[in-house]
């Protein structure tokens, strides 16, 4: 009785990404400034395409959110007017004023937590090192929002 051994190939993701230089250059945290490894045209193309995709998605989601909020408010007004619901406008006004006070209180401090500050610093450093990529992304984002 001869047993046939099946052989399976194991995919090691760490080795796989090492063999994909563009992936490692762009997304590996230890690679330093990722965009400096590409020429200017490639940086602009990468930034522009990703920016356009992001802008296009933001535009579609923004329209959907605006429609949902506006439609919800419209239905609420119709339901209030026809008598299906009663809105306590004094309570609404009181809650809005309370929310305004809390926003004023939180914004007057202007102190960020150390975790948020370190993340903001990381983003600023990345943007400074990758100015061309960031510029391409910003342009693409605006084009995506406009289309």
N, C-alpha and C. Protein backbone atom coordinates (compact mmCIF):
# COMPACT_ATOMS: atom_id res chain seq x y z
N UNK A 1 0.84 -1.16 0.00
CA UNK A 1 0.00 0.00 0.00
C UNK A 1 0.89 1.22 0.00
N UNK A 2 1.07 1.84 -1.13
CA UNK A 2 1.92 3.02 -1.24
C UNK A 2 1.12 4.28 -0.92
N UNK A 3 1.57 4.98 0.09
CA UNK A 3 0.90 6.23 0.47
C UNK A 3 1.48 7.37 -0.35
N UNK A 4 0.61 8.12 -0.92
CA UNK A 4 1.05 9.27 -1.73
C UNK A 4 1.07 10.50 -0.83
N UNK A 5 2.20 11.12 -0.73
CA UNK A 5 2.32 12.33 0.09
C UNK A 5 2.00 13.55 -0.75
N UNK A 6 1.08 14.34 -0.26
CA UNK A 6 0.76 15.61 -0.93
C UNK A 6 1.71 16.67 -0.40
N UNK A 7 2.24 17.46 -1.29
CA UNK A 7 3.10 18.55 -0.84
C UNK A 7 2.34 19.86 -1.00
N UNK A 8 2.49 20.68 0.01
CA UNK A 8 1.83 21.98 0.01
C UNK A 8 2.88 23.08 0.04
N UNK A 9 2.62 24.12 -0.71
CA UNK A 9 3.50 25.28 -0.65
C UNK A 9 2.98 26.22 0.42
N UNK A 10 3.89 26.68 1.26
CA UNK A 10 3.53 27.61 2.32
C UNK A 10 3.93 29.01 1.87
N UNK A 11 3.01 29.92 2.00
CA UNK A 11 3.27 31.30 1.62
C UNK A 11 3.66 32.08 2.86
N UNK A 12 4.89 32.51 2.91
CA UNK A 12 5.38 33.33 4.02
C UNK A 12 5.20 34.78 3.60
N UNK A 13 4.27 35.47 4.27
CA UNK A 13 3.96 36.84 3.87
C UNK A 13 5.14 37.80 4.02
N UNK A 14 5.98 37.55 5.02
CA UNK A 14 7.15 38.42 5.20
C UNK A 14 8.08 38.30 4.01
N UNK A 15 8.32 37.06 3.55
CA UNK A 15 9.18 36.87 2.38
C UNK A 15 8.50 37.40 1.12
N UNK A 16 7.20 37.23 1.04
CA UNK A 16 6.46 37.69 -0.12
C UNK A 16 6.57 39.20 -0.28
N UNK A 17 6.42 39.93 0.83
CA UNK A 17 6.51 41.39 0.72
C UNK A 17 7.94 41.86 0.47
N UNK A 18 8.93 41.08 0.91
CA UNK A 18 10.31 41.46 0.61
C UNK A 18 10.57 41.39 -0.89
N UNK A 19 9.89 40.49 -1.58
CA UNK A 19 10.08 40.34 -3.02
C UNK A 19 9.25 41.34 -3.82
N UNK A 20 8.45 42.14 -3.16
CA UNK A 20 7.65 43.16 -3.82
C UNK A 20 8.18 44.53 -3.41
N UNK A 21 9.16 45.08 -4.15
CA UNK A 21 9.81 46.30 -3.69
C UNK A 21 8.88 47.50 -3.58
N UNK A 22 7.92 47.67 -4.46
CA UNK A 22 7.05 48.84 -4.36
C UNK A 22 6.24 48.80 -3.09
N UNK A 23 5.78 47.64 -2.71
CA UNK A 23 4.99 47.50 -1.49
C UNK A 23 5.83 47.83 -0.27
N UNK A 24 7.04 47.31 -0.27
CA UNK A 24 7.93 47.54 0.87
C UNK A 24 8.33 49.01 0.95
N UNK A 25 8.60 49.62 -0.19
CA UNK A 25 9.02 51.02 -0.18
C UNK A 25 7.91 51.94 0.30
N UNK A 26 6.69 51.67 -0.12
CA UNK A 26 5.60 52.57 0.22
C UNK A 26 5.08 52.34 1.63
N UNK A 27 4.96 51.06 2.04
CA UNK A 27 4.25 50.79 3.28
C UNK A 27 5.11 50.29 4.42
N UNK A 28 6.37 49.97 4.18
CA UNK A 28 7.21 49.48 5.28
C UNK A 28 7.60 50.65 6.17
N UNK A 29 7.35 50.55 7.47
CA UNK A 29 7.65 51.68 8.35
C UNK A 29 9.13 51.98 8.49
N UNK A 30 9.98 50.99 8.29
CA UNK A 30 11.42 51.20 8.49
C UNK A 30 12.13 51.63 7.21
N UNK A 31 11.36 51.91 6.16
CA UNK A 31 11.99 52.22 4.89
C UNK A 31 12.39 53.68 4.76
N UNK A 32 12.16 54.48 5.78
CA UNK A 32 12.51 55.90 5.70
C UNK A 32 11.48 56.63 4.88
N UNK A 33 11.92 57.63 4.14
CA UNK A 33 11.01 58.38 3.30
C UNK A 33 10.69 57.56 2.07
N UNK A 34 9.47 57.10 1.96
CA UNK A 34 9.11 56.17 0.91
C UNK A 34 9.16 56.80 -0.48
N UNK A 35 8.72 58.02 -0.60
CA UNK A 35 8.59 58.61 -1.92
C UNK A 35 9.94 59.02 -2.52
N UNK A 36 10.96 59.21 -1.69
CA UNK A 36 12.26 59.62 -2.22
C UNK A 36 12.86 58.56 -3.13
N UNK A 37 12.38 57.33 -3.03
CA UNK A 37 12.92 56.24 -3.83
C UNK A 37 12.33 56.22 -5.24
N UNK A 38 11.31 57.03 -5.49
CA UNK A 38 10.69 57.11 -6.80
C UNK A 38 11.04 58.44 -7.45
N UNK A 39 10.95 58.45 -8.80
CA UNK A 39 11.18 59.73 -9.47
C UNK A 39 9.94 60.60 -9.33
N UNK A 40 10.06 61.84 -9.72
CA UNK A 40 9.00 62.83 -9.50
C UNK A 40 7.71 62.43 -10.21
N UNK A 41 7.81 61.96 -11.44
CA UNK A 41 6.60 61.59 -12.19
C UNK A 41 5.85 60.46 -11.50
N UNK A 42 6.57 59.46 -11.03
CA UNK A 42 5.94 58.34 -10.34
C UNK A 42 5.27 58.80 -9.06
N UNK A 43 5.95 59.68 -8.33
CA UNK A 43 5.35 60.21 -7.09
C UNK A 43 4.05 60.96 -7.39
N UNK A 44 4.07 61.78 -8.44
CA UNK A 44 2.87 62.53 -8.79
C UNK A 44 1.74 61.60 -9.23
N UNK A 45 2.08 60.56 -9.98
CA UNK A 45 1.06 59.62 -10.44
C UNK A 45 0.46 58.86 -9.26
N UNK A 46 1.32 58.35 -8.37
CA UNK A 46 0.82 57.61 -7.20
C UNK A 46 -0.05 58.53 -6.34
N UNK A 47 0.44 59.73 -6.05
CA UNK A 47 -0.33 60.67 -5.24
C UNK A 47 -1.62 61.08 -5.92
N UNK A 48 -1.56 61.35 -7.21
CA UNK A 48 -2.75 61.79 -7.94
C UNK A 48 -3.83 60.72 -8.02
N UNK A 49 -3.43 59.49 -8.30
CA UNK A 49 -4.41 58.41 -8.41
C UNK A 49 -5.05 58.11 -7.06
N UNK A 50 -4.24 58.02 -6.01
CA UNK A 50 -4.81 57.74 -4.69
C UNK A 50 -5.66 58.93 -4.22
N UNK A 51 -5.24 60.14 -4.52
CA UNK A 51 -6.02 61.32 -4.15
C UNK A 51 -7.34 61.38 -4.89
N UNK A 52 -7.33 61.05 -6.20
CA UNK A 52 -8.56 61.07 -6.98
C UNK A 52 -9.54 60.04 -6.43
N UNK A 53 -9.05 58.83 -6.16
CA UNK A 53 -9.92 57.78 -5.62
C UNK A 53 -10.53 58.21 -4.28
N UNK A 54 -9.70 58.78 -3.42
CA UNK A 54 -10.18 59.23 -2.12
C UNK A 54 -11.20 60.36 -2.27
N UNK A 55 -10.92 61.32 -3.13
CA UNK A 55 -11.84 62.43 -3.36
C UNK A 55 -13.16 61.97 -3.94
N UNK A 56 -13.10 61.03 -4.87
CA UNK A 56 -14.32 60.50 -5.48
C UNK A 56 -15.19 59.80 -4.44
N UNK A 57 -14.55 59.00 -3.58
CA UNK A 57 -15.29 58.30 -2.52
C UNK A 57 -15.87 59.31 -1.53
N UNK A 58 -15.07 60.31 -1.15
CA UNK A 58 -15.56 61.34 -0.22
C UNK A 58 -16.77 62.06 -0.81
N UNK A 59 -16.73 62.35 -2.10
CA UNK A 59 -17.84 63.04 -2.75
C UNK A 59 -19.10 62.19 -2.69
N UNK A 60 -19.00 60.91 -3.02
CA UNK A 60 -20.17 60.03 -3.02
C UNK A 60 -20.71 59.84 -1.61
N UNK A 61 -19.83 59.62 -0.64
CA UNK A 61 -20.27 59.44 0.74
C UNK A 61 -20.87 60.73 1.27
N UNK A 62 -20.27 61.87 0.92
CA UNK A 62 -20.79 63.16 1.37
C UNK A 62 -22.19 63.42 0.84
N UNK A 63 -22.43 63.11 -0.42
CA UNK A 63 -23.76 63.29 -0.99
C UNK A 63 -24.76 62.37 -0.30
N UNK A 64 -24.36 61.14 -0.05
CA UNK A 64 -25.25 60.19 0.61
C UNK A 64 -25.58 60.65 2.03
N UNK A 65 -24.57 61.13 2.75
CA UNK A 65 -24.79 61.60 4.12
C UNK A 65 -25.68 62.84 4.13
N UNK A 66 -25.44 63.76 3.22
CA UNK A 66 -26.26 64.97 3.15
C UNK A 66 -27.71 64.63 2.81
N UNK A 67 -27.90 63.68 1.91
CA UNK A 67 -29.25 63.25 1.55
C UNK A 67 -29.95 62.60 2.74
N UNK A 68 -29.21 61.76 3.47
CA UNK A 68 -29.80 61.07 4.62
C UNK A 68 -30.17 62.06 5.72
N UNK A 69 -29.29 62.99 6.03
CA UNK A 69 -29.57 63.97 7.08
C UNK A 69 -30.71 64.90 6.66
N UNK A 70 -30.64 65.40 5.45
CA UNK A 70 -31.69 66.29 4.96
C UNK A 70 -33.03 65.59 4.87
N UNK A 71 -33.03 64.36 4.34
CA UNK A 71 -34.27 63.59 4.24
C UNK A 71 -34.85 63.27 5.61
N UNK A 72 -33.96 62.92 6.55
CA UNK A 72 -34.43 62.64 7.91
C UNK A 72 -35.06 63.86 8.55
N UNK A 73 -34.43 65.01 8.39
CA UNK A 73 -34.98 66.25 8.94
C UNK A 73 -36.31 66.59 8.28
N UNK A 74 -36.38 66.40 6.97
CA UNK A 74 -37.61 66.66 6.22
C UNK A 74 -38.75 65.76 6.72
N UNK A 75 -38.48 64.47 6.89
CA UNK A 75 -39.49 63.54 7.39
C UNK A 75 -39.90 63.87 8.82
N UNK A 76 -38.94 64.30 9.63
CA UNK A 76 -39.23 64.70 11.00
C UNK A 76 -40.18 65.90 11.01
N UNK A 77 -39.94 66.86 10.14
CA UNK A 77 -40.81 68.04 10.07
C UNK A 77 -42.21 67.67 9.60
N UNK A 78 -42.30 66.77 8.62
CA UNK A 78 -43.62 66.34 8.13
C UNK A 78 -44.37 65.60 9.24
N UNK A 79 -43.67 64.70 9.94
CA UNK A 79 -44.31 63.95 11.03
C UNK A 79 -44.74 64.88 12.15
N UNK A 80 -43.96 65.89 12.45
CA UNK A 80 -44.32 66.86 13.49
C UNK A 80 -45.54 67.68 13.05
N UNK A 81 -45.53 68.11 11.80
CA UNK A 81 -46.62 68.95 11.29
C UNK A 81 -47.95 68.19 11.22
N UNK A 82 -47.89 66.91 10.84
CA UNK A 82 -49.13 66.14 10.70
C UNK A 82 -49.61 65.56 12.02
N UNK A 83 -48.82 65.70 13.09
CA UNK A 83 -49.27 65.26 14.40
C UNK A 83 -48.85 63.86 14.79
N UNK A 84 -48.04 63.18 13.96
CA UNK A 84 -47.57 61.84 14.33
C UNK A 84 -46.63 61.88 15.53
N UNK A 85 -45.83 62.91 15.59
CA UNK A 85 -44.93 63.08 16.73
C UNK A 85 -45.03 64.50 17.24
N UNK A 86 -44.63 64.69 18.47
CA UNK A 86 -44.54 66.03 19.05
C UNK A 86 -43.09 66.26 19.44
N UNK A 87 -42.51 67.34 18.97
CA UNK A 87 -41.13 67.68 19.30
C UNK A 87 -41.14 68.72 20.40
N UNK A 88 -40.42 68.44 21.47
CA UNK A 88 -40.28 69.39 22.57
C UNK A 88 -39.13 70.33 22.21
N UNK A 89 -39.45 71.45 21.56
CA UNK A 89 -38.42 72.35 21.05
C UNK A 89 -37.62 73.01 22.17
N UNK A 90 -38.24 73.20 23.33
CA UNK A 90 -37.51 73.76 24.48
C UNK A 90 -36.41 72.80 24.91
N UNK A 91 -36.71 71.50 24.93
CA UNK A 91 -35.72 70.49 25.30
C UNK A 91 -34.59 70.44 24.25
N UNK A 92 -34.97 70.54 22.98
CA UNK A 92 -33.97 70.54 21.91
C UNK A 92 -33.04 71.74 22.07
N UNK A 93 -33.63 72.91 22.31
CA UNK A 93 -32.82 74.13 22.47
C UNK A 93 -31.89 74.01 23.68
N UNK A 94 -32.40 73.45 24.78
CA UNK A 94 -31.57 73.29 25.97
C UNK A 94 -30.39 72.33 25.71
N UNK A 95 -30.68 71.22 25.02
CA UNK A 95 -29.60 70.26 24.72
C UNK A 95 -28.57 70.84 23.76
N UNK A 96 -29.02 71.64 22.78
CA UNK A 96 -28.09 72.27 21.85
C UNK A 96 -27.20 73.27 22.59
N UNK A 97 -27.77 74.04 23.49
CA UNK A 97 -26.98 74.99 24.27
C UNK A 97 -25.98 74.27 25.17
N UNK A 98 -26.39 73.13 25.75
CA UNK A 98 -25.47 72.35 26.58
C UNK A 98 -24.30 71.82 25.74
N UNK A 99 -24.61 71.36 24.52
CA UNK A 99 -23.56 70.87 23.62
C UNK A 99 -22.60 71.99 23.23
N UNK A 100 -23.15 73.19 23.00
CA UNK A 100 -22.29 74.35 22.67
C UNK A 100 -21.34 74.66 23.82
N UNK A 101 -21.85 74.63 25.04
CA UNK A 101 -21.01 74.91 26.21
C UNK A 101 -19.89 73.88 26.34
N UNK A 102 -20.22 72.62 26.10
CA UNK A 102 -19.19 71.58 26.18
C UNK A 102 -18.13 71.76 25.11
N UNK A 103 -18.56 72.15 23.90
CA UNK A 103 -17.60 72.38 22.83
C UNK A 103 -16.69 73.56 23.17
N UNK A 104 -17.26 74.62 23.72
CA UNK A 104 -16.44 75.77 24.12
C UNK A 104 -15.45 75.37 25.19
N UNK A 105 -15.88 74.55 26.14
CA UNK A 105 -15.01 74.11 27.23
C UNK A 105 -13.85 73.28 26.71
N UNK A 106 -14.14 72.34 25.80
CA UNK A 106 -13.09 71.46 25.27
C UNK A 106 -12.14 72.19 24.33
N UNK A 107 -12.67 73.14 23.56
CA UNK A 107 -11.81 73.84 22.61
C UNK A 107 -10.97 74.93 23.27
N UNK A 108 -11.36 75.37 24.46
CA UNK A 108 -10.60 76.43 25.11
C UNK A 108 -9.28 75.91 25.67
N UNK A 109 -9.19 74.60 25.95
CA UNK A 109 -7.97 74.03 26.51
C UNK A 109 -6.82 73.98 25.51
N UNK A 110 -7.10 73.62 24.28
CA UNK A 110 -6.10 73.50 23.21
C UNK A 110 -4.92 72.59 23.57
N UNK A 111 -5.08 71.71 24.53
CA UNK A 111 -4.00 70.80 24.88
C UNK A 111 -4.33 69.43 24.34
N UNK A 112 -3.40 68.89 23.55
CA UNK A 112 -3.58 67.56 23.00
C UNK A 112 -2.95 66.54 23.91
N UNK A 113 -3.52 65.34 23.90
CA UNK A 113 -2.91 64.26 24.67
C UNK A 113 -1.59 63.88 24.00
N UNK A 114 -0.65 63.29 24.76
CA UNK A 114 0.64 62.93 24.16
C UNK A 114 0.52 61.95 23.00
N UNK A 115 -0.47 61.04 23.06
CA UNK A 115 -0.65 60.08 21.97
C UNK A 115 -1.05 60.78 20.68
N UNK A 116 -2.00 61.70 20.80
CA UNK A 116 -2.46 62.44 19.62
C UNK A 116 -1.33 63.31 19.08
N UNK A 117 -0.59 63.98 19.97
CA UNK A 117 0.51 64.84 19.55
C UNK A 117 1.57 64.05 18.81
N UNK A 118 1.91 62.84 19.29
CA UNK A 118 2.93 62.04 18.61
C UNK A 118 2.45 61.59 17.24
N UNK A 119 1.17 61.25 17.11
CA UNK A 119 0.62 60.86 15.80
C UNK A 119 0.62 62.05 14.84
N UNK A 120 0.26 63.21 15.34
CA UNK A 120 0.25 64.42 14.50
C UNK A 120 1.67 64.72 14.05
N UNK A 121 2.64 64.59 14.95
CA UNK A 121 4.04 64.82 14.58
C UNK A 121 4.50 63.84 13.51
N UNK A 122 4.09 62.57 13.62
CA UNK A 122 4.45 61.57 12.61
C UNK A 122 3.88 61.95 11.26
N UNK A 123 2.64 62.39 11.23
CA UNK A 123 2.00 62.78 9.97
C UNK A 123 2.71 63.98 9.37
N UNK A 124 3.05 64.96 10.19
CA UNK A 124 3.74 66.16 9.69
C UNK A 124 5.11 65.79 9.12
N UNK A 125 5.84 64.93 9.80
CA UNK A 125 7.14 64.50 9.29
C UNK A 125 6.98 63.78 7.96
N UNK A 126 5.98 62.89 7.85
CA UNK A 126 5.73 62.18 6.60
C UNK A 126 5.41 63.16 5.48
N UNK A 127 4.53 64.14 5.76
CA UNK A 127 4.15 65.10 4.74
C UNK A 127 5.34 65.95 4.29
N UNK A 128 6.22 66.31 5.22
CA UNK A 128 7.39 67.10 4.85
C UNK A 128 8.37 66.30 4.00
N UNK A 129 8.52 65.01 4.32
CA UNK A 129 9.46 64.18 3.55
C UNK A 129 8.91 63.82 2.18
N UNK A 130 7.60 63.83 2.03
CA UNK A 130 6.96 63.39 0.79
C UNK A 130 6.12 64.50 0.19
N UNK A 131 6.73 65.65 -0.03
CA UNK A 131 6.00 66.82 -0.50
C UNK A 131 5.38 66.59 -1.87
N UNK A 132 6.11 65.97 -2.78
CA UNK A 132 5.60 65.77 -4.14
C UNK A 132 4.43 64.78 -4.12
N UNK A 133 4.57 63.70 -3.37
CA UNK A 133 3.49 62.72 -3.25
C UNK A 133 2.26 63.37 -2.63
N UNK A 134 2.46 64.18 -1.61
CA UNK A 134 1.36 64.87 -0.95
C UNK A 134 0.69 65.87 -1.89
N UNK A 135 1.48 66.58 -2.66
CA UNK A 135 0.92 67.51 -3.64
C UNK A 135 0.09 66.81 -4.70
N UNK A 136 0.59 65.66 -5.18
CA UNK A 136 -0.16 64.88 -6.14
C UNK A 136 -1.47 64.38 -5.55
N UNK A 137 -1.39 63.95 -4.29
CA UNK A 137 -2.59 63.46 -3.60
C UNK A 137 -3.61 64.60 -3.46
N UNK A 138 -3.15 65.79 -3.07
CA UNK A 138 -4.07 66.92 -2.88
C UNK A 138 -4.73 67.29 -4.20
N UNK A 139 -3.96 67.34 -5.28
CA UNK A 139 -4.53 67.64 -6.59
C UNK A 139 -5.51 66.59 -7.03
N UNK A 140 -5.14 65.33 -6.87
CA UNK A 140 -6.04 64.23 -7.23
C UNK A 140 -7.30 64.24 -6.40
N UNK A 141 -7.17 64.57 -5.10
CA UNK A 141 -8.33 64.63 -4.22
C UNK A 141 -9.30 65.69 -4.69
N UNK A 142 -8.78 66.86 -5.06
CA UNK A 142 -9.67 67.93 -5.54
C UNK A 142 -10.34 67.54 -6.86
N UNK A 143 -9.60 66.87 -7.75
CA UNK A 143 -10.20 66.41 -9.00
C UNK A 143 -11.27 65.35 -8.73
N UNK A 144 -10.99 64.45 -7.77
CA UNK A 144 -11.97 63.44 -7.42
C UNK A 144 -13.23 64.03 -6.83
N UNK A 145 -13.08 65.07 -6.02
CA UNK A 145 -14.25 65.73 -5.45
C UNK A 145 -15.06 66.45 -6.54
N UNK A 146 -14.37 66.95 -7.55
CA UNK A 146 -15.05 67.70 -8.60
C UNK A 146 -15.72 66.78 -9.62
N UNK A 147 -15.27 65.53 -9.72
CA UNK A 147 -15.85 64.65 -10.77
C UNK A 147 -17.05 63.89 -10.29
